Amino acid sequence: MLDGSVPLGGVYANLVNVWHSNLEFTLEFAVTLPSRPEMPDAVYVAWMKLPPQVAWDLAQHLSDHVAQYEEEFAAFTPRPPDQEEP
């Protein structure tokens, strides 16, 4: 699958924006920097375009891993209303 011929890397993101068209889903990843008032609220660092079937597979895998996380560590709790994103 991965033979090392393509350099791989990653970026940190703590925010994702999702939207879709009839052909694809787009995930835009960003970093919020609340400790740096001179910076905008979020800086986009990466994006992905996925066909619908791959987006569905991703949603299933995320759901499975969230359940595993909750079994291992703790259940997620909803954010208080004053901390919800607009």
C-alpha atoms as a PDB file:
ATOM      1  CA  MET A   1       0.000   0.000   0.000  1.00  0.00           C
ATOM      2  CA  LEU A   2       2.502   2.633   1.128  1.00  0.00           C
ATOM      3  CA  ASP A   3       5.951   1.927  -0.207  1.00  0.00           C
ATOM      4  CA  GLY A   4       7.732   5.019   1.126  1.00  0.00           C
ATOM      5  CA  SER A   5       8.102   6.623  -2.294  1.00  0.00           C
ATOM      6  CA  VAL A   6       5.759   9.468  -1.353  1.00  0.00           C
ATOM      7  CA  PRO A   7       6.751  11.624   1.632  1.00  0.00           C
ATOM      8  CA  LEU A   8       4.032  11.614   4.263  1.00  0.00           C
ATOM      9  CA  GLY A   9       3.314  14.311   6.787  1.00  0.00           C
ATOM     10  CA  GLY A  10       0.607  15.594   9.009  1.00  0.00           C
ATOM     11  CA  VAL A  11      -0.693  18.755  10.574  1.00  0.00           C
ATOM     12  CA  TYR A  12      -2.460  19.422  13.852  1.00  0.00           C
ATOM     13  CA  ALA A  13      -6.090  20.556  13.663  1.00  0.00           C
ATOM     14  CA  ASN A  14      -8.608  21.108  16.449  1.00  0.00           C
ATOM     15  CA  LEU A  15     -11.508  22.230  14.268  1.00  0.00           C
ATOM     16  CA  VAL A  16     -13.142  20.793  11.148  1.00  0.00           C
ATOM     17  CA  ASN A  17     -15.707  22.305   8.809  1.00  0.00           C
ATOM     18  CA  VAL A  18     -17.684  19.867   6.632  1.00  0.00           C
ATOM     19  CA  TRP A  19     -19.731  20.613   3.550  1.00  0.00           C
ATOM     20  CA  HIS A  20     -20.872  18.682   0.498  1.00  0.00           C
ATOM     21  CA  SER A  21     -22.064  18.843  -3.084  1.00  0.00           C
ATOM     22  CA  ASN A  22     -23.787  16.152  -5.106  1.00  0.00           C
ATOM     23  CA  LEU A  23     -20.370  14.686  -6.031  1.00  0.00           C
ATOM     24  CA  GLU A  24     -18.142  15.018  -2.968  1.00  0.00           C
ATOM     25  CA  PHE A  25     -17.718  15.871   0.691  1.00  0.00           C
ATOM     26  CA  THR A  26     -15.161  18.468   1.737  1.00  0.00           C
ATOM     27  CA  LEU A  27     -13.473  18.512   5.135  1.00  0.00           C
ATOM     28  CA  GLU A  28     -11.598  21.717   5.942  1.00  0.00           C
ATOM     29  CA  PHE A  29      -9.270  21.382   8.931  1.00  0.00           C
ATOM     30  CA  ALA A  30      -8.229  24.381  11.002  1.00  0.00           C
ATOM     31  CA  VAL A  31      -6.392  25.342  14.167  1.00  0.00           C
ATOM     32  CA  THR A  32      -7.845  27.786  16.638  1.00  0.00           C
ATOM     33  CA  LEU A  33      -5.340  29.954  18.423  1.00  0.00           C
ATOM     34  CA  PRO A  34      -7.119  31.587  21.376  1.00  0.00           C
ATOM     35  CA  SER A  35      -3.824  32.401  23.097  1.00  0.00           C
ATOM     36  CA  ARG A  36      -2.726  34.648  20.200  1.00  0.00           C
ATOM     37  CA  PRO A  37      -5.115  37.619  20.005  1.00  0.00           C
ATOM     38  CA  GLU A  38      -3.263  39.065  16.997  1.00  0.00           C
ATOM     39  CA  MET A  39      -4.206  35.988  14.935  1.00  0.00           C
ATOM     40  CA  PRO A  40      -7.602  35.298  13.385  1.00  0.00           C
ATOM     41  CA  ASP A  41      -9.960  32.938  15.235  1.00  0.00           C
ATOM     42  CA  ALA A  42      -8.933  29.962  13.086  1.00  0.00           C
ATOM     43  CA  VAL A  43      -6.292  29.207  10.495  1.00  0.00           C
ATOM     44  CA  TYR A  44      -7.041  26.565   7.869  1.00  0.00           C
ATOM     45  CA  VAL A  45      -4.225  24.029   7.648  1.00  0.00           C
ATOM     46  CA  ALA A  46      -5.550  21.306   5.324  1.00  0.00           C
ATOM     47  CA  TRP A  47      -8.566  20.090   3.411  1.00  0.00           C
ATOM     48  CA  MET A  48      -9.786  16.816   1.945  1.00  0.00           C
ATOM     49  CA  LYS A  49     -12.289  16.088  -0.801  1.00  0.00           C
ATOM     50  CA  LEU A  50     -13.931  12.659  -0.553  1.00  0.00           C
ATOM     51  CA  PRO A  51     -16.390  10.806  -2.752  1.00  0.00           C
ATOM     52  CA  PRO A  52     -19.660   9.998  -0.925  1.00  0.00           C
ATOM     53  CA  GLN A  53     -18.809   6.313  -0.337  1.00  0.00           C
ATOM     54  CA  VAL A  54     -15.471   7.198   1.264  1.00  0.00           C
ATOM     55  CA  ALA A  55     -17.182   9.843   3.431  1.00  0.00           C
ATOM     56  CA  TRP A  56     -19.682   7.187   4.564  1.00  0.00           C
ATOM     57  CA  ASP A  57     -16.844   4.763   5.358  1.00  0.00           C
ATOM     58  CA  LEU A  58     -15.033   7.503   7.303  1.00  0.00           C
ATOM     59  CA  ALA A  59     -18.181   8.253   9.327  1.00  0.00           C
ATOM     60  CA  GLN A  60     -18.530   4.560  10.207  1.00  0.00           C
ATOM     61  CA  HIS A  61     -14.873   4.255  11.241  1.00  0.00           C
ATOM     62  CA  LEU A  62     -15.058   7.431  13.340  1.00  0.00           C
ATOM     63  CA  SER A  63     -18.187   6.160  15.060  1.00  0.00           C
ATOM     64  CA  ASP A  64     -16.490   2.842  15.852  1.00  0.00           C
ATOM     65  CA  HIS A  65     -13.405   4.553  17.246  1.00  0.00           C
ATOM     66  CA  VAL A  66     -15.404   7.035  19.324  1.00  0.00           C
ATOM     67  CA  ALA A  67     -17.198   4.058  20.910  1.00  0.00           C
ATOM     68  CA  GLN A  68     -13.851   2.356  21.591  1.00  0.00           C
ATOM     69  CA  TYR A  69     -12.473   5.599  23.082  1.00  0.00           C
ATOM     70  CA  GLU A  70     -15.480   5.932  25.377  1.00  0.00           C
ATOM     71  CA  GLU A  71     -15.093   2.320  26.550  1.00  0.00           C
ATOM     72  CA  GLU A  72     -11.401   2.834  27.278  1.00  0.00           C
ATOM     73  CA  PHE A  73     -11.394   6.341  28.771  1.00  0.00           C
ATOM     74  CA  ALA A  74     -14.750   8.011  29.403  1.00  0.00           C
ATOM     75  CA  ALA A  75     -17.960   8.966  27.664  1.00  0.00           C
ATOM     76  CA  PHE A  76     -18.044  12.298  25.921  1.00  0.00           C
ATOM     77  CA  THR A  77     -20.325  14.891  27.460  1.00  0.00           C
ATOM     78  CA  PRO A  78     -22.087  17.625  25.498  1.00  0.00           C
ATOM     79  CA  ARG A  79     -20.526  21.080  25.572  1.00  0.00           C
ATOM     80  CA  PRO A  80     -22.247  23.624  27.781  1.00  0.00           C
ATOM     81  CA  PRO A  81     -24.439  26.030  25.721  1.00  0.00           C
ATOM     82  CA  ASP A  82     -21.992  28.914  26.199  1.00  0.00           C
ATOM     83  CA  GLN A  83     -19.201  26.837  24.592  1.00  0.00           C
ATOM     84  CA  GLU A  84     -21.105  25.563  21.561  1.00  0.00           C
ATOM     85  CA  GLU A  85     -19.835  26.611  18.180  1.00  0.00           C
ATOM     86  CA  PRO A  86     -22.130  28.884  16.153  1.00  0.00           C
END
